[in-house]
Amino acid sequence: MLAEALYAQGRLGEARQMTEEAQAAAAPDDVDAHTRWRAARAKILARGGQFPAAQALLDEAAALVLPTSWATFQAQILMTRAEASLRASLPAGTPPRSPTRPRPPSTALPATPAPSLP
């Protein structure tokens, strides 16, 4: 979903707009679309410090997806809930840590030489 990509780039206003468009375009019985826009908007709300609203959206998304056998969507809701909980525990304004951003030098793992080939 485009909202997820915009969120990852820190473009929260545009990401929020995409969730609103996805919400408006989703068919009433489209569990996939309704789960995804709720999860994306919950991240945006949590990043903005609106934790109760984020949790409410995640509760709605969980209610939609838990009765299904879609493990991927269930996992997405759990991961988003974890991210929102982490956001709630951090000081306001703390930037998100990117999984692709390198570790600071003080926590970098020591380099090990590659084994020699015979």
N, C-alpha and C. Protein backbone atom coordinates (compact mmCIF):
# COMPACT_ATOMS: atom_id res chain seq x y z
N MET A 1 0.85 -1.18 0.00
CA MET A 1 0.00 0.00 0.00
C MET A 1 0.90 1.24 0.00
N LEU A 2 0.54 2.21 -0.78
CA LEU A 2 1.32 3.42 -0.91
C LEU A 2 1.47 4.15 0.43
N ALA A 3 0.45 4.08 1.26
CA ALA A 3 0.53 4.74 2.57
C ALA A 3 1.69 4.21 3.39
N GLU A 4 1.97 2.92 3.32
CA GLU A 4 3.09 2.32 4.06
C GLU A 4 4.42 2.88 3.56
N ALA A 5 4.55 3.00 2.24
CA ALA A 5 5.79 3.54 1.67
C ALA A 5 5.99 4.99 2.09
N LEU A 6 4.93 5.77 2.05
CA LEU A 6 5.02 7.18 2.45
C LEU A 6 5.34 7.29 3.94
N TYR A 7 4.75 6.43 4.75
CA TYR A 7 5.03 6.42 6.18
C TYR A 7 6.51 6.13 6.42
N ALA A 8 7.04 5.14 5.72
CA ALA A 8 8.44 4.76 5.89
C ALA A 8 9.38 5.90 5.51
N GLN A 9 8.94 6.78 4.62
CA GLN A 9 9.74 7.93 4.22
C GLN A 9 9.53 9.13 5.14
N GLY A 10 8.64 8.99 6.13
CA GLY A 10 8.37 10.09 7.03
C GLY A 10 7.41 11.13 6.48
N ARG A 11 6.75 10.81 5.39
CA ARG A 11 5.80 11.72 4.76
C ARG A 11 4.40 11.43 5.31
N LEU A 12 4.22 11.79 6.57
CA LEU A 12 3.03 11.39 7.31
C LEU A 12 1.74 11.99 6.78
N GLY A 13 1.77 13.24 6.37
CA GLY A 13 0.56 13.87 5.83
C GLY A 13 0.08 13.18 4.58
N GLU A 14 1.00 12.88 3.69
CA GLU A 14 0.64 12.18 2.46
C GLU A 14 0.18 10.75 2.77
N ALA A 15 0.85 10.12 3.73
CA ALA A 15 0.46 8.76 4.11
C ALA A 15 -0.95 8.76 4.67
N ARG A 16 -1.26 9.73 5.50
CA ARG A 16 -2.62 9.83 6.07
C ARG A 16 -3.64 10.01 4.95
N GLN A 17 -3.31 10.87 3.97
CA GLN A 17 -4.22 11.09 2.84
C GLN A 17 -4.46 9.79 2.08
N MET A 18 -3.42 8.99 1.89
CA MET A 18 -3.58 7.72 1.18
C MET A 18 -4.47 6.76 1.95
N THR A 19 -4.37 6.77 3.30
CA THR A 19 -5.26 5.89 4.07
C THR A 19 -6.70 6.34 3.95
N GLU A 20 -6.90 7.65 3.86
CA GLU A 20 -8.27 8.16 3.70
C GLU A 20 -8.84 7.77 2.34
N GLU A 21 -7.98 7.84 1.30
CA GLU A 21 -8.44 7.42 -0.03
C GLU A 21 -8.71 5.92 -0.06
N ALA A 22 -7.86 5.15 0.58
CA ALA A 22 -8.07 3.70 0.62
C ALA A 22 -9.36 3.37 1.38
N GLN A 23 -9.61 4.08 2.46
CA GLN A 23 -10.84 3.86 3.22
C GLN A 23 -12.06 4.15 2.36
N ALA A 24 -12.03 5.25 1.63
CA ALA A 24 -13.17 5.64 0.79
C ALA A 24 -13.39 4.67 -0.37
N ALA A 25 -12.29 4.11 -0.90
CA ALA A 25 -12.39 3.24 -2.07
C ALA A 25 -12.67 1.78 -1.72
N ALA A 26 -12.45 1.39 -0.49
CA ALA A 26 -12.59 -0.03 -0.11
C ALA A 26 -14.05 -0.48 -0.15
N ALA A 27 -14.26 -1.61 -0.76
CA ALA A 27 -15.59 -2.22 -0.74
C ALA A 27 -15.91 -2.65 0.69
N PRO A 28 -17.17 -2.60 1.09
CA PRO A 28 -17.51 -2.93 2.48
C PRO A 28 -17.05 -4.31 2.94
N ASP A 29 -16.95 -5.27 2.02
CA ASP A 29 -16.56 -6.63 2.40
C ASP A 29 -15.09 -6.94 2.12
N ASP A 30 -14.28 -5.94 1.80
CA ASP A 30 -12.87 -6.14 1.47
C ASP A 30 -12.02 -6.08 2.74
N VAL A 31 -11.85 -7.24 3.37
CA VAL A 31 -11.10 -7.33 4.63
C VAL A 31 -9.66 -6.88 4.43
N ASP A 32 -9.06 -7.25 3.31
CA ASP A 32 -7.68 -6.86 3.02
C ASP A 32 -7.52 -5.34 3.07
N ALA A 33 -8.30 -4.63 2.29
CA ALA A 33 -8.18 -3.17 2.22
C ALA A 33 -8.47 -2.52 3.57
N HIS A 34 -9.52 -2.98 4.25
CA HIS A 34 -9.88 -2.38 5.54
C HIS A 34 -8.82 -2.65 6.61
N THR A 35 -8.18 -3.81 6.54
CA THR A 35 -7.11 -4.12 7.49
C THR A 35 -5.89 -3.25 7.22
N ARG A 36 -5.52 -3.14 5.97
CA ARG A 36 -4.30 -2.40 5.61
C ARG A 36 -4.41 -0.91 5.90
N TRP A 37 -5.54 -0.28 5.55
CA TRP A 37 -5.61 1.16 5.81
C TRP A 37 -5.65 1.44 7.30
N ARG A 38 -6.30 0.56 8.06
CA ARG A 38 -6.33 0.77 9.51
C ARG A 38 -4.94 0.61 10.13
N ALA A 39 -4.20 -0.40 9.69
CA ALA A 39 -2.84 -0.61 10.22
C ALA A 39 -1.94 0.56 9.87
N ALA A 40 -2.00 1.02 8.63
CA ALA A 40 -1.16 2.16 8.22
C ALA A 40 -1.54 3.42 9.00
N ARG A 41 -2.83 3.69 9.13
CA ARG A 41 -3.23 4.89 9.86
C ARG A 41 -2.89 4.79 11.34
N ALA A 42 -2.96 3.59 11.90
CA ALA A 42 -2.59 3.41 13.31
C ALA A 42 -1.13 3.78 13.53
N LYS A 43 -0.25 3.41 12.60
CA LYS A 43 1.17 3.79 12.71
C LYS A 43 1.32 5.30 12.68
N ILE A 44 0.60 5.94 11.77
CA ILE A 44 0.67 7.39 11.64
C ILE A 44 0.19 8.06 12.92
N LEU A 45 -0.92 7.57 13.45
CA LEU A 45 -1.46 8.14 14.69
C LEU A 45 -0.51 7.94 15.86
N ALA A 46 0.07 6.74 15.95
CA ALA A 46 1.02 6.48 17.04
C ALA A 46 2.24 7.37 16.93
N ARG A 47 2.72 7.55 15.73
CA ARG A 47 3.88 8.42 15.51
C ARG A 47 3.56 9.85 15.93
N GLY A 48 2.30 10.25 15.80
CA GLY A 48 1.87 11.58 16.21
C GLY A 48 1.47 11.67 17.67
N GLY A 49 1.65 10.58 18.43
CA GLY A 49 1.34 10.60 19.85
C GLY A 49 -0.12 10.32 20.18
N GLN A 50 -0.91 9.93 19.19
CA GLN A 50 -2.33 9.66 19.40
C GLN A 50 -2.53 8.16 19.65
N PHE A 51 -2.01 7.69 20.78
CA PHE A 51 -1.97 6.26 21.06
C PHE A 51 -3.34 5.63 21.26
N PRO A 52 -4.27 6.24 21.99
CA PRO A 52 -5.59 5.61 22.12
C PRO A 52 -6.29 5.43 20.77
N ALA A 53 -6.19 6.42 19.90
CA ALA A 53 -6.82 6.31 18.58
C ALA A 53 -6.14 5.22 17.75
N ALA A 54 -4.82 5.12 17.86
CA ALA A 54 -4.09 4.08 17.14
C ALA A 54 -4.52 2.70 17.64
N GLN A 55 -4.61 2.53 18.95
CA GLN A 55 -5.01 1.24 19.50
C GLN A 55 -6.45 0.89 19.09
N ALA A 56 -7.33 1.89 19.04
CA ALA A 56 -8.71 1.63 18.63
C ALA A 56 -8.76 1.12 17.19
N LEU A 57 -7.98 1.73 16.30
CA LEU A 57 -7.94 1.26 14.91
C LEU A 57 -7.37 -0.15 14.83
N LEU A 58 -6.35 -0.43 15.62
CA LEU A 58 -5.76 -1.77 15.61
C LEU A 58 -6.75 -2.80 16.16
N ASP A 59 -7.55 -2.42 17.14
CA ASP A 59 -8.58 -3.32 17.64
C ASP A 59 -9.60 -3.63 16.54
N GLU A 60 -9.97 -2.60 15.77
CA GLU A 60 -10.91 -2.81 14.66
C GLU A 60 -10.30 -3.73 13.61
N ALA A 61 -9.04 -3.48 13.28
CA ALA A 61 -8.37 -4.31 12.27
C ALA A 61 -8.26 -5.76 12.75
N ALA A 62 -7.93 -5.94 14.02
CA ALA A 62 -7.82 -7.29 14.57
C ALA A 62 -9.17 -8.00 14.52
N ALA A 63 -10.23 -7.28 14.82
CA ALA A 63 -11.57 -7.88 14.77
C ALA A 63 -11.92 -8.34 13.35
N LEU A 64 -11.41 -7.62 12.36
CA LEU A 64 -11.67 -8.01 10.97
C LEU A 64 -10.87 -9.24 10.55
N VAL A 65 -9.62 -9.29 10.99
CA VAL A 65 -8.71 -10.30 10.44
C VAL A 65 -8.59 -11.56 11.29
N LEU A 66 -8.79 -11.47 12.58
CA LEU A 66 -8.59 -12.65 13.43
C LEU A 66 -9.52 -13.81 13.09
N PRO A 67 -10.77 -13.58 12.66
CA PRO A 67 -11.61 -14.73 12.30
C PRO A 67 -11.17 -15.42 11.00
N THR A 68 -10.26 -14.83 10.26
CA THR A 68 -9.81 -15.42 9.00
C THR A 68 -8.62 -16.34 9.25
N SER A 69 -8.19 -17.01 8.21
CA SER A 69 -6.99 -17.84 8.30
C SER A 69 -5.79 -17.13 7.69
N TRP A 70 -5.85 -15.83 7.53
CA TRP A 70 -4.80 -15.05 6.90
C TRP A 70 -3.72 -14.69 7.90
N ALA A 71 -2.77 -15.58 8.05
CA ALA A 71 -1.71 -15.40 9.03
C ALA A 71 -0.88 -14.14 8.75
N THR A 72 -0.70 -13.80 7.49
CA THR A 72 0.08 -12.62 7.14
C THR A 72 -0.58 -11.35 7.69
N PHE A 73 -1.88 -11.24 7.52
CA PHE A 73 -2.58 -10.05 8.04
C PHE A 73 -2.59 -10.05 9.56
N GLN A 74 -2.76 -11.22 10.15
CA GLN A 74 -2.72 -11.30 11.61
C GLN A 74 -1.36 -10.84 12.13
N ALA A 75 -0.30 -11.28 11.45
CA ALA A 75 1.05 -10.87 11.85
C ALA A 75 1.25 -9.37 11.65
N GLN A 76 0.69 -8.82 10.57
CA GLN A 76 0.82 -7.38 10.33
C GLN A 76 0.19 -6.58 11.47
N ILE A 77 -0.95 -7.03 11.94
CA ILE A 77 -1.61 -6.33 13.04
C ILE A 77 -0.75 -6.43 14.31
N LEU A 78 -0.21 -7.59 14.57
CA LEU A 78 0.65 -7.74 15.75
C LEU A 78 1.90 -6.87 15.66
N MET A 79 2.52 -6.82 14.49
CA MET A 79 3.71 -5.98 14.31
C MET A 79 3.37 -4.50 14.46
N THR A 80 2.24 -4.10 13.91
CA THR A 80 1.83 -2.69 14.03
C THR A 80 1.51 -2.35 15.47
N ARG A 81 0.87 -3.29 16.17
CA ARG A 81 0.58 -3.06 17.59
C ARG A 81 1.89 -2.92 18.38
N ALA A 82 2.88 -3.74 18.05
CA ALA A 82 4.18 -3.64 18.73
C ALA A 82 4.84 -2.30 18.44
N GLU A 83 4.77 -1.85 17.18
CA GLU A 83 5.36 -0.55 16.83
C GLU A 83 4.66 0.59 17.57
N ALA A 84 3.34 0.53 17.65
CA ALA A 84 2.59 1.57 18.36
C ALA A 84 2.93 1.56 19.85
N SER A 85 3.08 0.38 20.42
CA SER A 85 3.44 0.28 21.84
C SER A 85 4.84 0.82 22.09
N LEU A 86 5.76 0.52 21.18
CA LEU A 86 7.11 1.06 21.30
C LEU A 86 7.09 2.58 21.22
N ARG A 87 6.34 3.11 20.26
CA ARG A 87 6.21 4.57 20.12
C ARG A 87 5.70 5.19 21.42
N ALA A 88 4.74 4.52 22.06
CA ALA A 88 4.16 5.07 23.30
C ALA A 88 5.19 5.11 24.42
N SER A 89 6.20 4.24 24.35
CA SER A 89 7.19 4.18 25.43
C SER A 89 8.38 5.10 25.20
N LEU A 90 8.50 5.68 24.00
CA LEU A 90 9.63 6.54 23.67
C LEU A 90 9.31 8.01 23.97
N PRO A 91 10.34 8.81 24.22
CA PRO A 91 10.10 10.25 24.37
C PRO A 91 9.53 10.82 23.08
N ALA A 92 8.69 11.82 23.20
CA ALA A 92 8.08 12.46 22.04
C ALA A 92 9.17 12.96 21.09
N GLY A 93 8.95 12.78 19.81
CA GLY A 93 9.89 13.27 18.81
C GLY A 93 11.02 12.33 18.47
N THR A 94 11.09 11.16 19.12
CA THR A 94 12.15 10.20 18.81
C THR A 94 11.90 9.65 17.41
N PRO A 95 12.90 9.76 16.52
CA PRO A 95 12.68 9.25 15.16
C PRO A 95 12.63 7.73 15.16
N PRO A 96 11.91 7.15 14.21
CA PRO A 96 11.87 5.69 14.13
C PRO A 96 13.22 5.15 13.68
N ARG A 97 13.56 3.96 14.12
CA ARG A 97 14.81 3.33 13.70
C ARG A 97 14.52 2.48 12.48
N SER A 98 15.24 2.73 11.44
CA SER A 98 15.07 1.98 10.21
C SER A 98 15.84 0.66 10.31
N PRO A 99 15.22 -0.44 9.88
CA PRO A 99 15.95 -1.71 9.92
C PRO A 99 17.13 -1.72 8.96
N THR A 100 17.17 -0.80 7.99
CA THR A 100 18.28 -0.77 7.04
C THR A 100 19.36 0.23 7.45
N ARG A 101 19.10 1.04 8.45
CA ARG A 101 20.10 2.00 8.90
C ARG A 101 21.19 1.27 9.65
N PRO A 102 22.47 1.54 9.36
CA PRO A 102 23.55 0.82 10.05
C PRO A 102 23.58 1.14 11.53
N ARG A 103 24.13 0.20 12.28
CA ARG A 103 24.30 0.42 13.72
C ARG A 103 25.32 1.51 13.96
N PRO A 104 25.18 2.24 15.06
CA PRO A 104 26.23 3.20 15.41
C PRO A 104 27.54 2.45 15.65
N PRO A 105 28.70 3.10 15.41
CA PRO A 105 29.99 2.39 15.56
C PRO A 105 30.18 1.74 16.92
N SER A 106 29.65 2.33 17.97
CA SER A 106 29.86 1.78 19.31
C SER A 106 29.17 0.43 19.49
N THR A 107 28.16 0.13 18.67
CA THR A 107 27.44 -1.14 18.81
C THR A 107 27.67 -2.07 17.62
N ALA A 108 28.53 -1.64 16.69
CA ALA A 108 28.79 -2.47 15.52
C ALA A 108 29.48 -3.78 15.93
N LEU A 109 29.15 -4.83 15.25
CA LEU A 109 29.78 -6.12 15.53
C LEU A 109 31.19 -6.13 14.96
N PRO A 110 32.12 -6.82 15.62
CA PRO A 110 33.50 -6.85 15.10
C PRO A 110 33.55 -7.61 13.77
N ALA A 111 34.40 -7.13 12.88
CA ALA A 111 34.56 -7.78 11.59
C ALA A 111 35.36 -9.06 11.76
N THR A 112 34.96 -10.10 11.08
CA THR A 112 35.71 -11.36 11.12
C THR A 112 36.18 -11.64 9.70
N PRO A 113 37.43 -12.04 9.56
CA PRO A 113 37.95 -12.31 8.22
C PRO A 113 37.29 -13.55 7.62
N ALA A 114 37.16 -13.53 6.31
CA ALA A 114 36.59 -14.69 5.61
C ALA A 114 37.59 -15.83 5.67
N PRO A 115 37.12 -17.06 5.77
CA PRO A 115 38.05 -18.20 5.81
C PRO A 115 38.79 -18.32 4.48
N SER A 116 40.02 -18.79 4.55
CA SER A 116 40.84 -19.00 3.34
C SER A 116 40.39 -20.26 2.63
N LEU A 117 40.41 -20.20 1.32
CA LEU A 117 40.09 -21.37 0.52
C LEU A 117 41.36 -22.18 0.30
N PRO A 118 41.26 -23.51 0.29
CA PRO A 118 42.47 -24.33 0.08
C PRO A 118 43.02 -24.20 -1.30
